Amino acid sequence: MVVTRRKSKIRAVTSVCSLSDIENRALSIRLFDQTTWINMGDGRIINPQTKEIEALIKKFDEIRTATLPGKIVFAKRYNRWDPLCLVEKPYKIRS
């Protein structure tokens, strides 16, 4: 279990998040290059700014966070070389 201290909060991660978890649960994903992509639910994602469509498997290694509807983060990768993990206590992103 990895524990990270950020903004005086401790967020523990549990297990490794799989590609099927992202495909089935995520509404949107954010990559390390700060772009946001919307999950189409069929293994494809779309960038709303450029209207570019990519396969989710191509971008899986670049995912930083995955969110549920309501901007709730359920999976996070802290560094590019770390595995994408499920967050123990999902949290809401501030708007």
PDB file of N, CA and C in Angstrom:
ATOM      1  N   MET A   1       0.849  -1.178   0.000  1.00  0.00           N
ATOM      2  CA  MET A   1       0.000   0.000   0.000  1.00  0.00           C
ATOM      3  C   MET A   1       0.889   1.234   0.000  1.00  0.00           C
ATOM      4  N   VAL A   2       0.558   2.182  -0.860  1.00  0.00           N
ATOM      5  CA  VAL A   2       1.293   3.430  -0.976  1.00  0.00           C
ATOM      6  C   VAL A   2       0.495   4.518  -0.293  1.00  0.00           C
ATOM      7  N   VAL A   3       1.163   5.322   0.504  1.00  0.00           N
ATOM      8  CA  VAL A   3       0.502   6.432   1.180  1.00  0.00           C
ATOM      9  C   VAL A   3       1.195   7.711   0.755  1.00  0.00           C
ATOM     10  N   THR A   4       0.421   8.686   0.345  1.00  0.00           N
ATOM     11  CA  THR A   4       0.984   9.949  -0.105  1.00  0.00           C
ATOM     12  C   THR A   4       0.438  11.075   0.756  1.00  0.00           C
ATOM     13  N   ARG A   5       1.300  11.987   1.151  1.00  0.00           N
ATOM     14  CA  ARG A   5       0.885  13.143   1.924  1.00  0.00           C
ATOM     15  C   ARG A   5       0.900  14.333   0.983  1.00  0.00           C
ATOM     16  N   ARG A   6      -0.283  14.901   0.773  1.00  0.00           N
ATOM     17  CA  ARG A   6      -0.398  16.028  -0.128  1.00  0.00           C
ATOM     18  C   ARG A   6      -1.444  16.978   0.419  1.00  0.00           C
ATOM     19  N   LYS A   7      -1.085  18.241   0.553  1.00  0.00           N
ATOM     20  CA  LYS A   7      -1.976  19.260   1.096  1.00  0.00           C
ATOM     21  C   LYS A   7      -2.526  18.815   2.454  1.00  0.00           C
ATOM     22  N   SER A   8      -1.666  18.280   3.278  1.00  0.00           N
ATOM     23  CA  SER A   8      -1.958  17.824   4.633  1.00  0.00           C
ATOM     24  C   SER A   8      -3.040  16.748   4.696  1.00  0.00           C
ATOM     25  N   LYS A   9      -3.291  16.054   3.597  1.00  0.00           N
ATOM     26  CA  LYS A   9      -4.231  14.933   3.607  1.00  0.00           C
ATOM     27  C   LYS A   9      -3.467  13.674   3.222  1.00  0.00           C
ATOM     28  N   ILE A  10      -3.832  12.571   3.821  1.00  0.00           N
ATOM     29  CA  ILE A  10      -3.225  11.295   3.464  1.00  0.00           C
ATOM     30  C   ILE A  10      -4.226  10.537   2.611  1.00  0.00           C
ATOM     31  N   ARG A  11      -3.778  10.158   1.413  1.00  0.00           N
ATOM     32  CA  ARG A  11      -4.635   9.394   0.514  1.00  0.00           C
ATOM     33  C   ARG A  11      -3.955   8.070   0.235  1.00  0.00           C
ATOM     34  N   ALA A  12      -4.558   7.017   0.692  1.00  0.00           N
ATOM     35  CA  ALA A  12      -3.989   5.697   0.480  1.00  0.00           C
ATOM     36  C   ALA A  12      -4.589   5.080  -0.781  1.00  0.00           C
ATOM     37  N   VAL A  13      -3.768   4.326  -1.470  1.00  0.00           N
ATOM     38  CA  VAL A  13      -4.249   3.606  -2.644  1.00  0.00           C
ATOM     39  C   VAL A  13      -4.304   2.125  -2.312  1.00  0.00           C
ATOM     40  N   THR A  14      -5.216   1.419  -2.978  1.00  0.00           N
ATOM     41  CA  THR A  14      -5.402   0.010  -2.638  1.00  0.00           C
ATOM     42  C   THR A  14      -4.780  -0.885  -3.691  1.00  0.00           C
ATOM     43  N   SER A  15      -5.522  -1.250  -4.686  1.00  0.00           N
ATOM     44  CA  SER A  15      -5.032  -2.214  -5.668  1.00  0.00           C
ATOM     45  C   SER A  15      -4.784  -1.534  -7.008  1.00  0.00           C
ATOM     46  N   VAL A  16      -4.142  -2.260  -7.892  1.00  0.00           N
ATOM     47  CA  VAL A  16      -3.838  -1.748  -9.220  1.00  0.00           C
ATOM     48  C   VAL A  16      -5.125  -1.691 -10.037  1.00  0.00           C
ATOM     49  N   CYS A  17      -5.307  -0.608 -10.763  1.00  0.00           N
ATOM     50  CA  CYS A  17      -6.494  -0.396 -11.580  1.00  0.00           C
ATOM     51  C   CYS A  17      -6.241  -0.964 -12.973  1.00  0.00           C
ATOM     52  N   SER A  18      -7.189  -1.722 -13.471  1.00  0.00           N
ATOM     53  CA  SER A  18      -7.022  -2.357 -14.780  1.00  0.00           C
ATOM     54  C   SER A  18      -7.636  -1.508 -15.892  1.00  0.00           C
ATOM     55  N   LEU A  19      -7.323  -1.877 -17.111  1.00  0.00           N
ATOM     56  CA  LEU A  19      -7.876  -1.206 -18.275  1.00  0.00           C
ATOM     57  C   LEU A  19      -9.396  -1.336 -18.314  1.00  0.00           C
ATOM     58  N   SER A  20      -9.914  -2.488 -17.942  1.00  0.00           N
ATOM     59  CA  SER A  20     -11.367  -2.679 -17.950  1.00  0.00           C
ATOM     60  C   SER A  20     -12.061  -1.829 -16.884  1.00  0.00           C
ATOM     61  N   ASP A  21     -11.404  -1.578 -15.746  1.00  0.00           N
ATOM     62  CA  ASP A  21     -11.964  -0.676 -14.731  1.00  0.00           C
ATOM     63  C   ASP A  21     -12.142   0.727 -15.309  1.00  0.00           C
ATOM     64  N   ILE A  22     -11.131   1.201 -16.012  1.00  0.00           N
ATOM     65  CA  ILE A  22     -11.195   2.531 -16.614  1.00  0.00           C
ATOM     66  C   ILE A  22     -12.279   2.563 -17.688  1.00  0.00           C
ATOM     67  N   GLU A  23     -12.307   1.547 -18.526  1.00  0.00           N
ATOM     68  CA  GLU A  23     -13.271   1.496 -19.625  1.00  0.00           C
ATOM     69  C   GLU A  23     -14.716   1.473 -19.117  1.00  0.00           C
ATOM     70  N   ASN A  24     -14.970   0.745 -18.044  1.00  0.00           N
ATOM     71  CA  ASN A  24     -16.332   0.570 -17.540  1.00  0.00           C
ATOM     72  C   ASN A  24     -16.788   1.651 -16.563  1.00  0.00           C
ATOM     73  N   ARG A  25     -15.874   2.243 -15.799  1.00  0.00           N
ATOM     74  CA  ARG A  25     -16.275   3.146 -14.727  1.00  0.00           C
ATOM     75  C   ARG A  25     -15.978   4.612 -14.988  1.00  0.00           C
ATOM     76  N   ALA A  26     -14.892   4.920 -15.679  1.00  0.00           N
ATOM     77  CA  ALA A  26     -14.438   6.309 -15.791  1.00  0.00           C
ATOM     78  C   ALA A  26     -15.315   7.127 -16.733  1.00  0.00           C
ATOM     79  N   LEU A  27     -15.595   8.346 -16.329  1.00  0.00           N
ATOM     80  CA  LEU A  27     -16.262   9.295 -17.200  1.00  0.00           C
ATOM     81  C   LEU A  27     -15.217  10.092 -17.980  1.00  0.00           C
ATOM     82  N   SER A  28     -14.175  10.521 -17.268  1.00  0.00           N
ATOM     83  CA  SER A  28     -13.096  11.259 -17.917  1.00  0.00           C
ATOM     84  C   SER A  28     -11.766  10.841 -17.317  1.00  0.00           C
ATOM     85  N   ILE A  29     -10.700  11.083 -18.082  1.00  0.00           N
ATOM     86  CA  ILE A  29      -9.358  10.799 -17.592  1.00  0.00           C
ATOM     87  C   ILE A  29      -8.481  12.010 -17.862  1.00  0.00           C
ATOM     88  N   ARG A  30      -7.477  12.181 -17.030  1.00  0.00           N
ATOM     89  CA  ARG A  30      -6.513  13.263 -17.209  1.00  0.00           C
ATOM     90  C   ARG A  30      -5.147  12.628 -17.378  1.00  0.00           C
ATOM     91  N   LEU A  31      -4.402  13.105 -18.355  1.00  0.00           N
ATOM     92  CA  LEU A  31      -3.089  12.559 -18.653  1.00  0.00           C
ATOM     93  C   LEU A  31      -2.001  13.417 -18.024  1.00  0.00           C
ATOM     94  N   PHE A  32      -0.773  12.915 -18.058  1.00  0.00           N
ATOM     95  CA  PHE A  32       0.347  13.666 -17.498  1.00  0.00           C
ATOM     96  C   PHE A  32       0.659  14.938 -18.283  1.00  0.00           C
ATOM     97  N   ASP A  33       0.199  15.043 -19.537  1.00  0.00           N
ATOM     98  CA  ASP A  33       0.416  16.271 -20.306  1.00  0.00           C
ATOM     99  C   ASP A  33      -0.695  17.295 -20.063  1.00  0.00           C
ATOM    100  N   GLN A  34      -1.504  17.084 -19.015  1.00  0.00           N
ATOM    101  CA  GLN A  34      -2.578  17.965 -18.553  1.00  0.00           C
ATOM    102  C   GLN A  34      -3.767  18.043 -19.504  1.00  0.00           C
ATOM    103  N   THR A  35      -3.911  17.108 -20.437  1.00  0.00           N
ATOM    104  CA  THR A  35      -5.093  17.081 -21.292  1.00  0.00           C
ATOM    105  C   THR A  35      -6.155  16.190 -20.658  1.00  0.00           C
ATOM    106  N   THR A  36      -7.402  16.554 -20.871  1.00  0.00           N
ATOM    107  CA  THR A  36      -8.526  15.785 -20.358  1.00  0.00           C
ATOM    108  C   THR A  36      -9.204  15.086 -21.526  1.00  0.00           C
ATOM    109  N   TRP A  37      -9.494  13.813 -21.347  1.00  0.00           N
ATOM    110  CA  TRP A  37     -10.136  12.996 -22.376  1.00  0.00           C
ATOM    111  C   TRP A  37     -11.416  12.416 -21.797  1.00  0.00           C
ATOM    112  N   ILE A  38     -12.429  12.278 -22.636  1.00  0.00           N
ATOM    113  CA  ILE A  38     -13.723  11.730 -22.229  1.00  0.00           C
ATOM    114  C   ILE A  38     -13.811  10.278 -22.703  1.00  0.00           C
ATOM    115  N   ASN A  39     -14.235   9.399 -21.804  1.00  0.00           N
ATOM    116  CA  ASN A  39     -14.374   7.979 -22.111  1.00  0.00           C
ATOM    117  C   ASN A  39     -15.669   7.761 -22.886  1.00  0.00           C
ATOM    118  N   MET A  40     -15.574   7.074 -24.009  1.00  0.00           N
ATOM    119  CA  MET A  40     -16.754   6.782 -24.818  1.00  0.00           C
ATOM    120  C   MET A  40     -17.407   5.456 -24.413  1.00  0.00           C
ATOM    121  N   GLY A  41     -16.757   4.681 -23.544  1.00  0.00           N
ATOM    122  CA  GLY A  41     -17.336   3.448 -23.022  1.00  0.00           C
ATOM    123  C   GLY A  41     -17.134   2.219 -23.886  1.00  0.00           C
ATOM    124  N   ASP A  42     -16.503   2.377 -25.043  1.00  0.00           N
ATOM    125  CA  ASP A  42     -16.290   1.240 -25.930  1.00  0.00           C
ATOM    126  C   ASP A  42     -14.810   1.008 -26.238  1.00  0.00           C
ATOM    127  N   GLY A  43     -13.946   1.488 -25.353  1.00  0.00           N
ATOM    128  CA  GLY A  43     -12.512   1.318 -25.565  1.00  0.00           C
ATOM    129  C   GLY A  43     -11.872   2.490 -26.280  1.00  0.00           C
ATOM    130  N   ARG A  44     -12.655   3.541 -26.525  1.00  0.00           N
ATOM    131  CA  ARG A  44     -12.121   4.737 -27.165  1.00  0.00           C
ATOM    132  C   ARG A  44     -12.313   5.940 -26.256  1.00  0.00           C
ATOM    133  N   ILE A  45     -11.448   6.933 -26.423  1.00  0.00           N
ATOM    134  CA  ILE A  45     -11.557   8.187 -25.690  1.00  0.00           C
ATOM    135  C   ILE A  45     -11.471   9.332 -26.685  1.00  0.00           C
ATOM    136  N   ILE A  46     -12.067  10.470 -26.321  1.00  0.00           N
ATOM    137  CA  ILE A  46     -12.088  11.625 -27.205  1.00  0.00           C
ATOM    138  C   ILE A  46     -11.598  12.849 -26.442  1.00  0.00           C
ATOM    139  N   ASN A  47     -10.782  13.641 -27.113  1.00  0.00           N
ATOM    140  CA  ASN A  47     -10.320  14.903 -26.559  1.00  0.00           C
ATOM    141  C   ASN A  47     -11.335  15.966 -26.972  1.00  0.00           C
ATOM    142  N   PRO A  48     -12.048  16.585 -26.014  1.00  0.00           N
ATOM    143  CA  PRO A  48     -13.103  17.527 -26.382  1.00  0.00           C
ATOM    144  C   PRO A  48     -12.591  18.814 -27.054  1.00  0.00           C
ATOM    145  N   GLN A  49     -11.330  19.193 -26.821  1.00  0.00           N
ATOM    146  CA  GLN A  49     -10.801  20.404 -27.448  1.00  0.00           C
ATOM    147  C   GLN A  49     -10.451  20.170 -28.918  1.00  0.00           C
ATOM    148  N   THR A  50      -9.782  19.054 -29.210  1.00  0.00           N
ATOM    149  CA  THR A  50      -9.309  18.810 -30.575  1.00  0.00           C
ATOM    150  C   THR A  50     -10.202  17.852 -31.352  1.00  0.00           C
ATOM    151  N   LYS A  51     -11.178  17.238 -30.681  1.00  0.00           N
ATOM    152  CA  LYS A  51     -12.072  16.237 -31.273  1.00  0.00           C
ATOM    153  C   LYS A  51     -11.321  15.012 -31.794  1.00  0.00           C
ATOM    154  N   GLU A  52     -10.126  14.788 -31.262  1.00  0.00           N
ATOM    155  CA  GLU A  52      -9.305  13.631 -31.641  1.00  0.00           C
ATOM    156  C   GLU A  52      -9.805  12.398 -30.890  1.00  0.00           C
ATOM    157  N   ILE A  53      -9.921  11.280 -31.580  1.00  0.00           N
ATOM    158  CA  ILE A  53     -10.354  10.017 -30.970  1.00  0.00           C
ATOM    159  C   ILE A  53      -9.179   9.043 -30.986  1.00  0.00           C
ATOM    160  N   GLU A  54      -8.910   8.445 -29.837  1.00  0.00           N
ATOM    161  CA  GLU A  54      -7.805   7.478 -29.684  1.00  0.00           C
ATOM    162  C   GLU A  54      -8.339   6.233 -28.994  1.00  0.00           C
ATOM    163  N   ALA A  55      -7.598   5.152 -29.124  1.00  0.00           N
ATOM    164  CA  ALA A  55      -7.895   3.932 -28.375  1.00  0.00           C
ATOM    165  C   ALA A  55      -7.411   4.122 -26.939  1.00  0.00           C
ATOM    166  N   LEU A  56      -8.205   3.694 -25.991  1.00  0.00           N
ATOM    167  CA  LEU A  56      -7.859   3.838 -24.577  1.00  0.00           C
ATOM    168  C   LEU A  56      -6.563   3.113 -24.250  1.00  0.00           C
ATOM    169  N   ILE A  57      -6.325   1.979 -24.866  1.00  0.00           N
ATOM    170  CA  ILE A  57      -5.128   1.195 -24.581  1.00  0.00           C
ATOM    171  C   ILE A  57      -3.848   1.950 -24.958  1.00  0.00           C
ATOM    172  N   LYS A  58      -3.924   2.830 -25.953  1.00  0.00           N
ATOM    173  CA  LYS A  58      -2.754   3.617 -26.352  1.00  0.00           C
ATOM    174  C   LYS A  58      -2.372   4.649 -25.299  1.00  0.00           C
ATOM    175  N   LYS A  59      -3.361   5.187 -24.609  1.00  0.00           N
ATOM    176  CA  LYS A  59      -3.134   6.244 -23.621  1.00  0.00           C
ATOM    177  C   LYS A  59      -3.102   5.729 -22.188  1.00  0.00           C
ATOM    178  N   PHE A  60      -3.290   4.433 -21.976  1.00  0.00           N
ATOM    179  CA  PHE A  60      -3.394   3.898 -20.611  1.00  0.00           C
ATOM    180  C   PHE A  60      -2.155   4.189 -19.774  1.00  0.00           C
ATOM    181  N   ASP A  61      -0.973   4.093 -20.356  1.00  0.00           N
ATOM    182  CA  ASP A  61       0.259   4.336 -19.595  1.00  0.00           C
ATOM    183  C   ASP A  61       0.487   5.800 -19.269  1.00  0.00           C
ATOM    184  N   GLU A  62      -0.277   6.700 -19.870  1.00  0.00           N
ATOM    185  CA  GLU A  62      -0.135   8.133 -19.629  1.00  0.00           C
ATOM    186  C   GLU A  62      -1.189   8.691 -18.679  1.00  0.00           C
ATOM    187  N   ILE A  63      -2.129   7.851 -18.223  1.00  0.00           N
ATOM    188  CA  ILE A  63      -3.224   8.325 -17.362  1.00  0.00           C
ATOM    189  C   ILE A  63      -2.691   8.720 -15.996  1.00  0.00           C
ATOM    190  N   ARG A  64      -3.074   9.910 -15.555  1.00  0.00           N
ATOM    191  CA  ARG A  64      -2.729  10.372 -14.215  1.00  0.00           C
ATOM    192  C   ARG A  64      -3.892  10.160 -13.251  1.00  0.00           C
ATOM    193  N   THR A  65      -5.109  10.597 -13.643  1.00  0.00           N
ATOM    194  CA  THR A  65      -6.291  10.399 -12.802  1.00  0.00           C
ATOM    195  C   THR A  65      -7.466   9.953 -13.654  1.00  0.00           C
ATOM    196  N   ALA A  66      -8.361   9.207 -13.036  1.00  0.00           N
ATOM    197  CA  ALA A  66      -9.604   8.776 -13.673  1.00  0.00           C
ATOM    198  C   ALA A  66     -10.743   9.174 -12.748  1.00  0.00           C
ATOM    199  N   THR A  67     -11.790   9.769 -13.341  1.00  0.00           N
ATOM    200  CA  THR A  67     -12.895  10.267 -12.530  1.00  0.00           C
ATOM    201  C   THR A  67     -14.213   9.608 -12.890  1.00  0.00           C
ATOM    202  N   LEU A  68     -15.063   9.537 -11.888  1.00  0.00           N
ATOM    203  CA  LEU A  68     -16.437   9.071 -12.029  1.00  0.00           C
ATOM    204  C   LEU A  68     -17.323  10.284 -12.327  1.00  0.00           C
ATOM    205  N   PRO A  69     -18.590  10.072 -12.692  1.00  0.00           N
ATOM    206  CA  PRO A  69     -19.495  11.223 -12.827  1.00  0.00           C
ATOM    207  C   PRO A  69     -19.554  12.000 -11.509  1.00  0.00           C
ATOM    208  N   GLY A  70     -19.594  13.308 -11.601  1.00  0.00           N
ATOM    209  CA  GLY A  70     -19.581  14.145 -10.405  1.00  0.00           C
ATOM    210  C   GLY A  70     -18.179  14.565 -10.010  1.00  0.00           C
ATOM    211  N   LYS A  71     -17.215  14.367 -10.889  1.00  0.00           N
ATOM    212  CA  LYS A  71     -15.805  14.729 -10.665  1.00  0.00           C
ATOM    213  C   LYS A  71     -15.213  14.073  -9.423  1.00  0.00           C
ATOM    214  N   ILE A  72     -15.476  12.798  -9.258  1.00  0.00           N
ATOM    215  CA  ILE A  72     -14.943  12.035  -8.128  1.00  0.00           C
ATOM    216  C   ILE A  72     -13.797  11.169  -8.635  1.00  0.00           C
ATOM    217  N   VAL A  73     -12.601  11.388  -8.100  1.00  0.00           N
ATOM    218  CA  VAL A  73     -11.413  10.641  -8.508  1.00  0.00           C
ATOM    219  C   VAL A  73     -11.434   9.279  -7.839  1.00  0.00           C
ATOM    220  N   PHE A  74     -11.342   8.216  -8.648  1.00  0.00           N
ATOM    221  CA  PHE A  74     -11.317   6.863  -8.095  1.00  0.00           C
ATOM    222  C   PHE A  74     -10.024   6.119  -8.398  1.00  0.00           C
ATOM    223  N   ALA A  75      -9.206   6.630  -9.323  1.00  0.00           N
ATOM    224  CA  ALA A  75      -7.922   6.000  -9.644  1.00  0.00           C
ATOM    225  C   ALA A  75      -6.898   7.091  -9.898  1.00  0.00           C
ATOM    226  N   LYS A  76      -5.675   6.846  -9.451  1.00  0.00           N
ATOM    227  CA  LYS A  76      -4.640   7.866  -9.556  1.00  0.00           C
ATOM    228  C   LYS A  76      -3.278   7.217  -9.710  1.00  0.00           C
ATOM    229  N   ARG A  77      -2.428   7.885 -10.459  1.00  0.00           N
ATOM    230  CA  ARG A  77      -1.023   7.497 -10.601  1.00  0.00           C
ATOM    231  C   ARG A  77      -0.217   8.730 -10.207  1.00  0.00           C
ATOM    232  N   TYR A  78       0.663   8.591  -9.235  1.00  0.00           N
ATOM    233  CA  TYR A  78       1.403   9.747  -8.730  1.00  0.00           C
ATOM    234  C   TYR A  78       2.600  10.090  -9.598  1.00  0.00           C
ATOM    235  N   ASN A  79       3.249   9.101 -10.150  1.00  0.00           N
ATOM    236  CA  ASN A  79       4.403   9.308 -11.030  1.00  0.00           C
ATOM    237  C   ASN A  79       4.207   8.483 -12.289  1.00  0.00           C
ATOM    238  N   ARG A  80       4.869   8.880 -13.369  1.00  0.00           N
ATOM    239  CA  ARG A  80       4.713   8.171 -14.638  1.00  0.00           C
ATOM    240  C   ARG A  80       5.085   6.697 -14.535  1.00  0.00           C
ATOM    241  N   TRP A  81       6.032   6.370 -13.701  1.00  0.00           N
ATOM    242  CA  TRP A  81       6.528   4.996 -13.617  1.00  0.00           C
ATOM    243  C   TRP A  81       5.770   4.154 -12.589  1.00  0.00           C
ATOM    244  N   ASP A  82       4.880   4.756 -11.818  1.00  0.00           N
ATOM    245  CA  ASP A  82       4.069   4.010 -10.852  1.00  0.00           C
ATOM    246  C   ASP A  82       2.873   3.372 -11.559  1.00  0.00           C
ATOM    247  N   PRO A  83       2.331   2.303 -11.001  1.00  0.00           N
ATOM    248  CA  PRO A  83       1.109   1.730 -11.588  1.00  0.00           C
ATOM    249  C   PRO A  83      -0.107   2.600 -11.264  1.00  0.00           C
ATOM    250  N   LEU A  84      -1.108   2.538 -12.106  1.00  0.00           N
ATOM    251  CA  LEU A  84      -2.367   3.241 -11.852  1.00  0.00           C
ATOM    252  C   LEU A  84      -3.115   2.459 -10.785  1.00  0.00           C
ATOM    253  N   CYS A  85      -3.430   3.105  -9.674  1.00  0.00           N
ATOM    254  CA  CYS A  85      -4.034   2.408  -8.535  1.00  0.00           C
ATOM    255  C   CYS A  85      -5.383   3.013  -8.177  1.00  0.00           C
ATOM    256  N   LEU A  86      -6.242   2.180  -7.614  1.00  0.00           N
ATOM    257  CA  LEU A  86      -7.526   2.640  -7.103  1.00  0.00           C
ATOM    258  C   LEU A  86      -7.291   3.393  -5.799  1.00  0.00           C
ATOM    259  N   VAL A  87      -7.992   4.486  -5.613  1.00  0.00           N
ATOM    260  CA  VAL A  87      -7.869   5.286  -4.391  1.00  0.00           C
ATOM    261  C   VAL A  87      -8.759   4.651  -3.326  1.00  0.00           C
ATOM    262  N   GLU A  88      -8.222   4.525  -2.111  1.00  0.00           N
ATOM    263  CA  GLU A  88      -8.983   3.900  -1.030  1.00  0.00           C
ATOM    264  C   GLU A  88     -10.250   4.680  -0.698  1.00  0.00           C
ATOM    265  N   LYS A  89     -10.128   6.004  -0.602  1.00  0.00           N
ATOM    266  CA  LYS A  89     -11.283   6.868  -0.336  1.00  0.00           C
ATOM    267  C   LYS A  89     -11.396   7.859  -1.493  1.00  0.00           C
ATOM    268  N   PRO A  90     -12.287   7.572  -2.457  1.00  0.00           N
ATOM    269  CA  PRO A  90     -12.441   8.502  -3.581  1.00  0.00           C
ATOM    270  C   PRO A  90     -12.775   9.918  -3.084  1.00  0.00           C
ATOM    271  N   TYR A  91     -12.281  10.912  -3.792  1.00  0.00           N
ATOM    272  CA  TYR A  91     -12.480  12.306  -3.377  1.00  0.00           C
ATOM    273  C   TYR A  91     -12.947  13.146  -4.561  1.00  0.00           C
ATOM    274  N   LYS A  92     -13.593  14.252  -4.243  1.00  0.00           N
ATOM    275  CA  LYS A  92     -14.162  15.133  -5.260  1.00  0.00           C
ATOM    276  C   LYS A  92     -13.123  16.203  -5.630  1.00  0.00           C
ATOM    277  N   ILE A  93     -13.060  16.488  -6.942  1.00  0.00           N
ATOM    278  CA  ILE A  93     -12.173  17.532  -7.436  1.00  0.00           C
ATOM    279  C   ILE A  93     -12.858  18.872  -7.223  1.00  0.00           C
ATOM    280  N   ARG A  94     -12.087  19.844  -6.750  1.00  0.00           N
ATOM    281  CA  ARG A  94     -12.636  21.187  -6.592  1.00  0.00           C
ATOM    282  C   ARG A  94     -12.794  21.849  -7.945  1.00  0.00           C
ATOM    283  N   SER A  95     -13.877  22.550  -8.146  1.00  0.00           N
ATOM    284  CA  SER A  95     -14.121  23.227  -9.438  1.00  0.00           C
ATOM    285  C   SER A  95     -13.649  24.653  -9.411  1.00  0.00           C
TER     286      SER A  95
END
